[in-house]
Amino acid sequence: MLKKISQNLFSILFGKSFELLLNFFAITLIARYLGVEKYGIFTATVSFVYILSKSIDFGFFQIVFREFSLKSSQLNLLNNAISLRLIFGFTLIILFNILVKYTSIDSDEILYTNILFVNVIVSARFRNIRELLEIPFKSNLNMKYVMVINGLDNILLFIFIGIAILIKLSFLWIVIIYVFVNVPGFIMILYFLYNKYNFRFKFNLEYSSWLLKESFPLYGAVLLTALFQQIDVIILRSFISDYSAGIFAAALRLATPLQILPLALITTVFPLITREKNKNQEKTFLMKKLVYKILFCFSVFILIVVIFRAKEIIIMVFGNDYHEASIPFILLIASYVFFYINNMTQNLFVIYEKQRYNFFYNLLIVLVNLLLLFFLISHYTFNGAAISKLLATLVGFVYLVNMMKDSSFLKILINANIIIWVFISFGSAYFLSSINLFVFLLVQTLLISIFIIFTNFFDGEEKKAIVKIFNLPIWLQKIVKI
């Protein structure tokens, strides 16, 4: 089992890293090609469609994933969830095209929006139908197939965007390419589902009432999460300018790939904790404790790097036109320290069937974000949007800690060893901040790893678990056990 866990974790980490790296380069090419203002329009349109797509989500994914983790032969339930999302999806498209006639949205933007609606079905990035099709692979810790397919999506995106730039295609063609490169991957995942799990899509509404009842508490949470993640760009474009939306979108795009580790860890431990929650309390507590610590460690490491080198990174990636994105980039990364922990906690609430807390958490952070957003963007534009997201995430963290009603949670992250590690890690980064960026990254990674060992950031049980999961060589095991 440990071998399967480590293989699945590495599949997700490597696959997601490769996928997001290619996607990152492709979007960077788009941002440089379109310029700040047109990139703001592109991102705001994608964000608008993404938010609309979440109105058909209904929180099915986490419920079906939980049921698959308990009993793998749930193909009828999976078909049921897909059927419902398809019904809601086509209804959404029809309603949009009826209602949009009574708005001032121009015909070009209506066309872009309708093209992007195709992503609701075919794209892994929009996390709708493709998200459901990945469940059998996730619950069986067999994500290598999904990672290969998602990697193909992004290889095609990178290649075709590159060609579009070379032959100077229009904005419309950029949107078309962004959507239709996902079609081969959609076909491939259906093929692997059939071969590995004998899955055929059959329109099925047998469990609709039960599924809607179970998932409804998550529906609000999913929709509110989408609003929290995407609404900033839309509001900046609507109330400030396309330029402000473009600057903030660049910072957001640079921060988004850093969700790789939490996604990989949570995807791996979710089915394990679900199966063991009532069988082995000590084992599940160890898994939870280890994940929380790894997430905190990773988020602080990224924050340290970004605080001292943000502007340099922004200019290197997007060009000098986007240099003002450095401050919102720092603030967004600071919010990830809380976001990673919050994400894990929400998944635990689903495992322990307390998903109603997720709705109230997401409602709280959206309301706080919106209230602060309208006040702060009028004074600080894109920086204000990043400040509001950071403060809203912090408020959400406080709420979730309170809802857990477990003092041991705080003891995991607040102890003398971890506090010492944070201080010496920041201190070393300060003294090295003037050296070459790539040398800085290499040296700082090495130093932080050494500090983790010598401050006993992980306790004895956690070190043993890390050794087993990551299959560390003997010589490294001796160092880890210091």
Protein backbone atom coordinates (compact mmCIF):
# COMPACT_ATOMS: atom_id res chain seq x y z
CA MET A 1 0.00 0.00 0.00
CA LEU A 2 2.81 2.45 0.88
CA LYS A 3 4.44 1.73 -2.48
CA LYS A 4 1.17 2.51 -4.24
CA ILE A 5 0.78 5.72 -2.22
CA SER A 6 4.28 6.92 -3.10
CA GLN A 7 3.83 6.01 -6.78
CA ASN A 8 0.52 7.85 -6.94
CA LEU A 9 1.94 10.88 -5.13
CA PHE A 10 4.93 11.07 -7.47
CA SER A 11 2.67 10.58 -10.50
CA ILE A 12 0.56 13.55 -9.43
CA LEU A 13 3.54 15.73 -8.44
CA PHE A 14 5.49 15.04 -11.63
CA GLY A 15 2.41 15.09 -13.87
CA LYS A 16 0.97 18.27 -12.35
CA SER A 17 4.37 19.97 -12.41
CA PHE A 18 4.80 19.13 -16.10
CA GLU A 19 1.19 20.05 -16.90
CA LEU A 20 1.24 23.38 -15.08
CA LEU A 21 4.70 24.26 -16.37
CA LEU A 22 3.56 23.86 -19.99
CA ASN A 23 0.28 25.65 -19.27
CA PHE A 24 2.23 28.40 -17.54
CA PHE A 25 4.51 28.87 -20.56
CA ALA A 26 1.52 28.84 -22.94
CA ILE A 27 -0.37 31.46 -20.91
CA THR A 28 2.82 33.52 -20.61
CA LEU A 29 3.09 33.50 -24.41
CA ILE A 30 -0.55 34.61 -24.61
CA ALA A 31 0.05 37.41 -22.08
CA ARG A 32 3.13 38.70 -23.93
CA TYR A 33 1.43 38.41 -27.34
CA LEU A 34 -1.84 40.12 -26.38
CA GLY A 35 -0.37 42.82 -24.12
CA VAL A 36 -1.67 43.88 -20.70
CA GLU A 37 -5.10 45.21 -21.74
CA LYS A 38 -6.10 42.42 -24.15
CA TYR A 39 -4.76 39.83 -21.70
CA GLY A 40 -7.05 41.42 -19.09
CA ILE A 41 -10.02 40.93 -21.47
CA PHE A 42 -9.02 37.31 -22.19
CA THR A 43 -8.62 36.43 -18.49
CA ALA A 44 -11.84 38.20 -17.45
CA THR A 45 -13.81 36.29 -20.13
CA VAL A 46 -12.31 32.93 -19.06
CA SER A 47 -13.06 33.80 -15.41
CA PHE A 48 -16.65 34.73 -16.26
CA VAL A 49 -17.28 31.39 -18.04
CA TYR A 50 -15.52 29.47 -15.23
CA ILE A 51 -17.82 31.04 -12.61
CA LEU A 52 -20.90 30.30 -14.74
CA SER A 53 -19.72 26.71 -15.19
CA LYS A 54 -19.63 26.25 -11.43
CA SER A 55 -23.36 27.00 -11.25
CA ILE A 56 -23.89 23.48 -12.70
CA ASP A 57 -21.36 21.81 -10.39
CA PHE A 58 -23.65 21.03 -7.42
CA GLY A 59 -20.69 19.62 -5.45
CA PHE A 60 -21.05 16.17 -7.06
CA PHE A 61 -17.31 15.51 -7.30
CA GLN A 62 -16.50 15.22 -3.60
CA ILE A 63 -19.55 13.05 -2.83
CA VAL A 64 -18.91 10.65 -5.74
CA PHE A 65 -15.18 10.58 -4.85
CA ARG A 66 -16.03 9.73 -1.24
CA GLU A 67 -18.38 6.92 -2.29
CA PHE A 68 -15.84 5.52 -4.78
CA SER A 69 -13.20 5.55 -2.03
CA LEU A 70 -15.47 3.41 0.15
CA LYS A 71 -16.66 1.11 -2.66
CA SER A 72 -15.02 1.21 -6.08
CA SER A 73 -17.96 -0.18 -8.11
CA GLN A 74 -20.01 3.03 -8.24
CA LEU A 75 -20.21 3.48 -12.03
CA ASN A 76 -23.97 4.07 -11.97
CA LEU A 77 -23.48 6.91 -9.48
CA LEU A 78 -20.75 8.37 -11.72
CA ASN A 79 -23.06 8.19 -14.78
CA ASN A 80 -25.75 9.84 -12.70
CA ALA A 81 -23.50 12.77 -11.80
CA ILE A 82 -22.35 13.22 -15.42
CA SER A 83 -25.95 13.08 -16.69
CA LEU A 84 -27.09 15.76 -14.27
CA ARG A 85 -24.17 18.05 -15.13
CA LEU A 86 -24.87 17.67 -18.86
CA ILE A 87 -28.53 18.60 -18.35
CA PHE A 88 -27.60 21.61 -16.23
CA GLY A 89 -24.83 22.58 -18.66
CA PHE A 90 -26.99 22.71 -21.78
CA THR A 91 -29.66 24.57 -19.81
CA LEU A 92 -27.05 27.13 -18.73
CA ILE A 93 -25.91 27.75 -22.33
CA ILE A 94 -29.49 28.23 -23.53
CA LEU A 95 -30.34 30.62 -20.67
CA PHE A 96 -27.15 32.63 -21.23
CA ASN A 97 -27.89 33.15 -24.92
CA ILE A 98 -31.46 34.23 -24.16
CA LEU A 99 -30.59 36.62 -21.34
CA VAL A 100 -27.49 38.13 -22.98
CA LYS A 101 -29.72 39.79 -25.60
CA TYR A 102 -30.95 42.14 -22.88
CA THR A 103 -27.43 43.25 -21.88
CA SER A 104 -24.84 45.60 -23.37
CA ILE A 105 -22.26 42.83 -23.94
CA ASP A 106 -20.95 43.14 -27.50
CA SER A 107 -21.27 40.37 -30.10
CA ASP A 108 -17.54 39.48 -30.05
CA GLU A 109 -17.58 38.76 -26.30
CA ILE A 110 -20.76 36.68 -26.68
CA LEU A 111 -18.97 34.62 -29.34
CA TYR A 112 -15.86 34.15 -27.12
CA THR A 113 -18.09 33.10 -24.21
CA ASN A 114 -19.98 30.49 -26.26
CA ILE A 115 -16.72 29.00 -27.56
CA LEU A 116 -15.39 28.79 -24.00
CA PHE A 117 -18.55 26.95 -22.90
CA VAL A 118 -17.19 23.89 -24.78
CA ASN A 119 -14.51 23.69 -22.07
CA VAL A 120 -17.23 22.79 -19.57
CA ILE A 121 -17.32 19.34 -21.19
CA VAL A 122 -13.85 18.75 -22.63
CA SER A 123 -11.39 20.64 -20.40
CA ALA A 124 -9.64 19.39 -17.25
CA ARG A 125 -8.93 23.02 -16.32
CA PHE A 126 -12.65 23.82 -15.94
CA ARG A 127 -13.14 20.81 -13.62
CA ASN A 128 -16.64 19.78 -14.69
CA ILE A 129 -17.18 16.61 -16.76
CA ARG A 130 -13.45 15.77 -16.93
CA GLU A 131 -13.27 16.14 -13.14
CA LEU A 132 -15.90 13.41 -12.72
CA LEU A 133 -14.22 11.13 -15.28
CA GLU A 134 -11.00 11.23 -13.19
CA ILE A 135 -12.67 9.83 -10.04
CA PRO A 136 -12.07 6.07 -10.68
CA PHE A 137 -8.35 6.78 -11.22
CA LYS A 138 -8.14 8.95 -8.09
CA SER A 139 -9.96 6.55 -5.78
CA ASN A 140 -7.77 3.63 -6.95
CA LEU A 141 -4.54 5.66 -6.55
CA ASN A 142 -3.87 5.23 -10.26
CA MET A 143 -3.36 8.80 -11.47
CA LYS A 144 -0.57 8.18 -13.98
CA TYR A 145 -3.04 7.83 -16.86
CA VAL A 146 -4.78 11.11 -16.00
CA MET A 147 -1.45 12.92 -15.68
CA VAL A 148 -0.31 11.73 -19.12
CA ILE A 149 -3.60 12.84 -20.71
CA ASN A 150 -3.61 16.24 -18.99
CA GLY A 151 0.01 16.68 -20.02
CA LEU A 152 -1.02 16.08 -23.65
CA ASP A 153 -3.64 18.85 -23.36
CA ASN A 154 -0.95 21.31 -22.36
CA ILE A 155 1.61 20.14 -24.92
CA LEU A 156 -0.98 20.82 -27.63
CA LEU A 157 -1.86 24.19 -26.08
CA PHE A 158 1.80 25.25 -25.97
CA ILE A 159 2.47 24.11 -29.57
CA PHE A 160 -0.63 25.67 -31.13
CA ILE A 161 -0.31 28.95 -29.21
CA GLY A 162 3.29 29.13 -30.41
CA ILE A 163 2.15 28.59 -34.02
CA ALA A 164 -0.63 31.19 -33.59
CA ILE A 165 1.91 33.77 -32.44
CA LEU A 166 4.33 32.98 -35.28
CA ILE A 167 1.64 33.48 -37.94
CA LYS A 168 0.02 36.34 -35.98
CA LEU A 169 -3.50 34.97 -35.57
CA SER A 170 -6.27 37.08 -34.07
CA PHE A 171 -7.72 37.13 -30.54
CA LEU A 172 -10.57 34.85 -31.71
CA TRP A 173 -8.14 32.14 -32.80
CA ILE A 174 -6.37 32.28 -29.42
CA VAL A 175 -9.74 31.52 -27.75
CA ILE A 176 -10.50 28.69 -30.21
CA ILE A 177 -7.09 27.09 -29.62
CA TYR A 178 -7.46 27.45 -25.83
CA VAL A 179 -10.63 25.32 -26.03
CA PHE A 180 -10.19 22.71 -28.75
CA VAL A 181 -6.72 21.44 -27.75
CA ASN A 182 -8.60 19.64 -24.94
CA VAL A 183 -10.68 17.43 -27.26
CA PRO A 184 -8.04 14.67 -27.86
CA GLY A 185 -7.50 14.34 -24.07
CA PHE A 186 -11.25 14.08 -23.48
CA ILE A 187 -11.47 11.20 -25.97
CA MET A 188 -8.43 9.49 -24.45
CA ILE A 189 -9.75 9.55 -20.89
CA LEU A 190 -12.99 7.92 -22.06
CA TYR A 191 -10.91 5.23 -23.80
CA PHE A 192 -8.81 4.49 -20.66
CA LEU A 193 -11.92 4.44 -18.46
CA TYR A 194 -13.45 1.80 -20.70
CA ASN A 195 -10.27 -0.33 -20.76
CA LYS A 196 -9.33 -0.03 -17.07
CA TYR A 197 -12.73 0.13 -15.34
CA ASN A 198 -15.18 -1.02 -18.04
CA PHE A 199 -16.89 2.39 -17.91
CA ARG A 200 -19.40 3.36 -20.60
CA PHE A 201 -21.40 6.54 -20.34
CA LYS A 202 -25.09 5.78 -19.97
CA PHE A 203 -27.64 8.48 -19.31
CA ASN A 204 -28.82 7.69 -15.79
CA LEU A 205 -30.87 9.61 -13.21
CA GLU A 206 -31.47 6.70 -10.80
CA TYR A 207 -29.72 8.25 -7.79
CA SER A 208 -30.53 11.89 -8.58
CA SER A 209 -32.52 12.65 -5.43
CA TRP A 210 -29.92 11.11 -3.10
CA LEU A 211 -26.98 12.72 -4.92
CA LEU A 212 -28.56 16.17 -4.97
CA LYS A 213 -29.44 15.90 -1.27
CA GLU A 214 -25.92 14.77 -0.27
CA SER A 215 -24.07 17.27 -2.43
CA PHE A 216 -26.28 20.32 -1.99
CA PRO A 217 -24.38 21.60 1.09
CA LEU A 218 -21.25 21.53 -1.10
CA TYR A 219 -22.93 23.26 -4.05
CA GLY A 220 -22.86 26.65 -2.40
CA ALA A 221 -19.28 26.07 -1.29
CA VAL A 222 -18.14 25.17 -4.84
CA LEU A 223 -19.88 28.17 -6.41
CA LEU A 224 -18.57 30.52 -3.74
CA THR A 225 -15.04 29.12 -4.16
CA ALA A 226 -15.20 29.90 -7.89
CA LEU A 227 -16.37 33.43 -7.11
CA PHE A 228 -13.56 33.88 -4.60
CA GLN A 229 -10.93 32.65 -7.07
CA GLN A 230 -12.09 34.52 -10.19
CA ILE A 231 -14.28 37.52 -9.32
CA ASP A 232 -11.36 39.91 -8.70
CA VAL A 233 -10.34 40.04 -12.37
CA ILE A 234 -13.93 40.63 -13.52
CA ILE A 235 -14.51 43.43 -11.00
CA LEU A 236 -11.19 45.10 -11.79
CA ARG A 237 -12.02 45.07 -15.49
CA SER A 238 -15.60 46.31 -14.93
CA PHE A 239 -14.88 49.07 -12.40
CA ILE A 240 -11.23 50.06 -12.91
CA SER A 241 -9.65 49.13 -16.28
CA ASP A 242 -8.53 46.34 -18.62
CA TYR A 243 -4.97 47.24 -17.63
CA SER A 244 -5.58 46.64 -13.91
CA ALA A 245 -7.29 43.33 -14.73
CA GLY A 246 -4.28 42.31 -16.84
CA ILE A 247 -1.75 43.15 -14.12
CA PHE A 248 -3.69 41.27 -11.43
CA ALA A 249 -4.31 38.34 -13.81
CA ALA A 250 -0.53 38.04 -14.39
CA ALA A 251 0.12 37.84 -10.63
CA LEU A 252 -2.70 35.31 -10.23
CA ARG A 253 -1.43 33.22 -13.15
CA LEU A 254 2.05 33.08 -11.62
CA ALA A 255 0.65 32.03 -8.23
CA THR A 256 -1.80 29.38 -9.48
CA PRO A 257 0.75 26.65 -10.43
CA LEU A 258 1.91 26.64 -6.80
CA GLN A 259 -1.22 24.67 -5.91
CA ILE A 260 0.50 21.50 -7.21
CA LEU A 261 1.65 20.14 -3.85
CA PRO A 262 -1.59 20.58 -1.88
CA LEU A 263 -3.57 19.10 -4.75
CA ALA A 264 -1.26 16.08 -4.98
CA LEU A 265 -1.20 15.45 -1.22
CA ILE A 266 -4.92 15.89 -0.67
CA THR A 267 -5.84 13.76 -3.69
CA THR A 268 -3.63 10.96 -2.31
CA VAL A 269 -4.69 11.04 1.35
CA PHE A 270 -8.42 11.64 0.79
CA PRO A 271 -9.32 8.00 -0.06
CA LEU A 272 -6.91 6.68 2.59
CA ILE A 273 -8.37 8.77 5.43
CA THR A 274 -11.90 7.97 4.20
CA ARG A 275 -11.21 4.22 4.50
CA GLU A 276 -9.30 4.38 7.80
CA LYS A 277 -11.25 7.06 9.70
CA ASN A 278 -13.20 4.56 11.82
CA LYS A 279 -10.58 1.79 11.86
CA ASN A 280 -7.29 3.37 12.90
CA GLN A 281 -7.50 6.75 14.64
CA GLU A 282 -3.73 6.96 15.24
CA LYS A 283 -2.92 6.33 11.59
CA THR A 284 -5.40 8.92 10.31
CA PHE A 285 -4.16 11.52 12.83
CA LEU A 286 -0.57 10.93 11.69
CA MET A 287 -1.59 11.37 8.03
CA LYS A 288 -3.45 14.60 8.79
CA LYS A 289 -0.62 15.98 10.91
CA LEU A 290 2.00 15.19 8.27
CA VAL A 291 -0.01 16.77 5.45
CA TYR A 292 -0.65 19.96 7.43
CA LYS A 293 3.06 20.31 8.21
CA ILE A 294 4.18 19.67 4.62
CA LEU A 295 1.66 22.22 3.32
CA PHE A 296 2.81 24.83 5.83
CA CYS A 297 6.48 24.17 5.08
CA PHE A 298 5.99 24.44 1.31
CA SER A 299 3.88 27.63 1.51
CA VAL A 300 6.39 29.39 3.78
CA PHE A 301 9.29 28.38 1.52
CA ILE A 302 7.53 29.84 -1.55
CA LEU A 303 6.63 33.00 0.39
CA ILE A 304 10.28 33.50 1.42
CA VAL A 305 11.44 33.26 -2.21
CA VAL A 306 8.74 35.58 -3.52
CA ILE A 307 9.15 38.27 -0.84
CA PHE A 308 12.78 38.80 -1.80
CA ARG A 309 12.65 38.18 -5.59
CA ALA A 310 9.08 38.89 -6.80
CA LYS A 311 9.81 41.77 -9.20
CA GLU A 312 12.70 39.91 -10.80
CA ILE A 313 10.50 36.82 -11.32
CA ILE A 314 7.60 38.83 -12.80
CA ILE A 315 9.82 40.67 -15.31
CA MET A 316 11.64 37.47 -16.29
CA VAL A 317 8.35 35.67 -16.99
CA PHE A 318 5.99 38.31 -18.39
CA GLY A 319 8.28 41.16 -19.42
CA ASN A 320 8.76 44.68 -18.11
CA ASP A 321 5.20 45.74 -19.06
CA TYR A 322 3.94 43.63 -16.15
CA HIS A 323 6.44 44.82 -13.49
CA GLU A 324 3.64 46.25 -11.32
CA ALA A 325 2.35 42.72 -10.72
CA SER A 326 5.12 42.06 -8.17
CA ILE A 327 3.28 43.42 -5.10
CA PRO A 328 -0.02 41.59 -5.77
CA PHE A 329 2.08 38.48 -6.45
CA ILE A 330 3.67 38.68 -2.97
CA LEU A 331 0.27 39.25 -1.33
CA LEU A 332 -1.34 36.33 -3.17
CA ILE A 333 1.49 33.99 -2.14
CA ALA A 334 1.09 35.17 1.47
CA SER A 335 -2.59 34.18 1.27
CA TYR A 336 -1.53 30.67 0.19
CA VAL A 337 -0.06 30.02 3.65
CA PHE A 338 -3.67 30.02 4.90
CA PHE A 339 -5.28 28.76 1.68
CA TYR A 340 -3.34 25.43 1.74
CA ILE A 341 -4.41 24.72 5.32
CA ASN A 342 -8.00 25.77 4.59
CA ASN A 343 -8.17 23.48 1.56
CA MET A 344 -7.06 20.43 3.56
CA THR A 345 -9.50 21.24 6.37
CA GLN A 346 -12.43 21.50 3.95
CA ASN A 347 -11.64 18.06 2.56
CA LEU A 348 -11.58 16.65 6.09
CA PHE A 349 -15.04 18.08 6.70
CA VAL A 350 -16.28 16.18 3.63
CA ILE A 351 -14.65 12.94 4.85
CA TYR A 352 -16.33 13.29 8.26
CA GLU A 353 -19.65 14.33 6.63
CA LYS A 354 -19.56 17.89 8.00
CA GLN A 355 -19.57 19.56 4.57
CA ARG A 356 -22.09 22.18 5.72
CA TYR A 357 -19.14 24.00 7.37
CA ASN A 358 -17.57 24.38 3.92
CA PHE A 359 -20.55 26.37 2.68
CA PHE A 360 -20.37 28.82 5.59
CA TYR A 361 -16.58 29.11 5.20
CA ASN A 362 -16.85 29.97 1.51
CA LEU A 363 -19.76 32.34 2.08
CA LEU A 364 -17.70 34.13 4.73
CA ILE A 365 -14.56 34.56 2.61
CA VAL A 366 -16.55 35.71 -0.45
CA LEU A 367 -18.45 38.31 1.56
CA VAL A 368 -15.30 39.57 3.27
CA ASN A 369 -13.45 39.63 -0.06
CA LEU A 370 -16.23 41.54 -1.85
CA LEU A 371 -16.66 44.09 0.94
CA LEU A 372 -12.93 44.80 1.08
CA LEU A 373 -12.54 44.60 -2.70
CA PHE A 374 -14.88 47.47 -3.56
CA PHE A 375 -13.31 49.65 -0.88
CA LEU A 376 -9.66 48.83 -1.58
CA ILE A 377 -9.59 48.79 -5.39
CA SER A 378 -10.79 52.39 -5.50
CA HIS A 379 -7.64 53.38 -3.57
CA TYR A 380 -5.06 50.72 -4.49
CA THR A 381 -6.48 49.09 -7.73
CA PHE A 382 -4.82 45.67 -8.32
CA ASN A 383 -2.86 45.83 -5.05
CA GLY A 384 -6.16 46.35 -3.22
CA ALA A 385 -7.58 43.21 -4.85
CA ALA A 386 -4.64 41.17 -3.55
CA ILE A 387 -4.90 42.68 -0.04
CA SER A 388 -8.62 41.80 0.13
CA LYS A 389 -7.91 38.19 -0.92
CA LEU A 390 -5.20 37.83 1.74
CA LEU A 391 -7.39 39.22 4.53
CA ALA A 392 -10.41 37.12 3.47
CA THR A 393 -8.30 33.94 3.47
CA LEU A 394 -7.01 34.78 6.95
CA VAL A 395 -10.57 35.30 8.24
CA GLY A 396 -11.53 31.94 6.70
CA PHE A 397 -8.59 30.25 8.42
CA VAL A 398 -9.73 31.58 11.82
CA TYR A 399 -13.27 30.33 11.14
CA LEU A 400 -12.15 26.81 10.17
CA VAL A 401 -9.86 26.49 13.19
CA ASN A 402 -12.79 27.44 15.39
CA MET A 403 -15.09 24.93 13.67
CA MET A 404 -12.61 22.09 14.16
CA LYS A 405 -12.98 22.45 17.93
CA ASP A 406 -9.66 20.65 18.34
CA SER A 407 -6.78 22.38 20.12
CA SER A 408 -4.33 19.74 18.83
CA PHE A 409 -4.64 21.31 15.37
CA LEU A 410 -2.93 24.53 16.50
CA LYS A 411 -0.25 22.56 18.35
CA ILE A 412 0.70 20.90 15.05
CA LEU A 413 1.67 24.23 13.47
CA ILE A 414 2.49 26.43 16.46
CA ASN A 415 5.42 25.10 18.46
CA ALA A 416 8.95 26.27 19.27
CA ASN A 417 10.64 24.12 16.59
CA ILE A 418 8.49 25.43 13.75
CA ILE A 419 8.76 29.06 14.91
CA ILE A 420 12.58 28.77 15.04
CA TRP A 421 12.57 27.21 11.54
CA VAL A 422 10.51 30.11 10.15
CA PHE A 423 12.79 32.78 11.65
CA ILE A 424 16.10 31.27 10.54
CA SER A 425 14.70 30.52 7.07
CA PHE A 426 13.66 34.16 6.60
CA GLY A 427 16.97 35.33 8.04
CA SER A 428 19.06 33.26 5.64
CA ALA A 429 16.98 34.50 2.69
CA TYR A 430 17.55 38.11 3.72
CA PHE A 431 21.33 37.70 3.73
CA LEU A 432 21.29 35.89 0.36
CA SER A 433 18.75 38.17 -1.36
CA SER A 434 21.32 40.05 -3.48
CA ILE A 435 22.83 37.01 -5.25
CA ASN A 436 21.78 35.61 -8.65
CA LEU A 437 18.15 34.38 -8.65
CA PHE A 438 18.89 30.77 -9.66
CA VAL A 439 21.79 30.48 -7.21
CA PHE A 440 19.50 31.95 -4.54
CA LEU A 441 16.83 29.31 -5.24
CA LEU A 442 19.35 26.47 -5.10
CA VAL A 443 21.13 27.63 -1.93
CA GLN A 444 17.92 28.60 -0.13
CA THR A 445 16.32 25.23 -0.89
CA LEU A 446 19.35 23.46 0.52
CA LEU A 447 19.47 25.67 3.65
CA ILE A 448 15.76 25.31 4.38
CA SER A 449 16.06 21.51 4.05
CA ILE A 450 18.97 21.53 6.52
CA PHE A 451 17.01 23.76 8.91
CA ILE A 452 14.05 21.32 8.74
CA ILE A 453 16.31 18.49 9.92
CA PHE A 454 18.15 20.33 12.68
CA THR A 455 15.10 22.10 14.15
CA ASN A 456 13.16 18.79 14.27
CA PHE A 457 10.38 20.34 12.19
CA PHE A 458 8.99 16.80 11.81
CA ASP A 459 8.78 14.53 14.85
CA GLY A 460 9.97 10.90 14.97
CA GLU A 461 6.74 9.30 13.71
CA GLU A 462 6.46 11.82 10.88
CA LYS A 463 10.07 11.17 9.81
CA LYS A 464 9.42 7.42 9.66
CA ALA A 465 6.31 8.02 7.55
CA ILE A 466 8.28 10.29 5.17
CA VAL A 467 11.01 7.64 4.84
CA LYS A 468 8.43 4.97 3.92
CA ILE A 469 6.31 7.10 1.61
CA PHE A 470 9.21 8.62 -0.33
CA ASN A 471 11.34 5.45 -0.17
CA LEU A 472 14.43 7.41 0.88
CA PRO A 473 17.86 5.77 0.42
CA ILE A 474 19.70 4.44 3.49
CA TRP A 475 22.26 7.26 3.66
CA LEU A 476 19.49 9.87 3.61
CA GLN A 477 17.47 7.96 6.22
CA LYS A 478 20.42 8.29 8.61
CA ILE A 479 20.41 12.08 8.16
CA VAL A 480 16.63 12.39 8.49
CA LYS A 481 16.70 10.46 11.79
CA ILE A 482 19.13 12.92 13.46
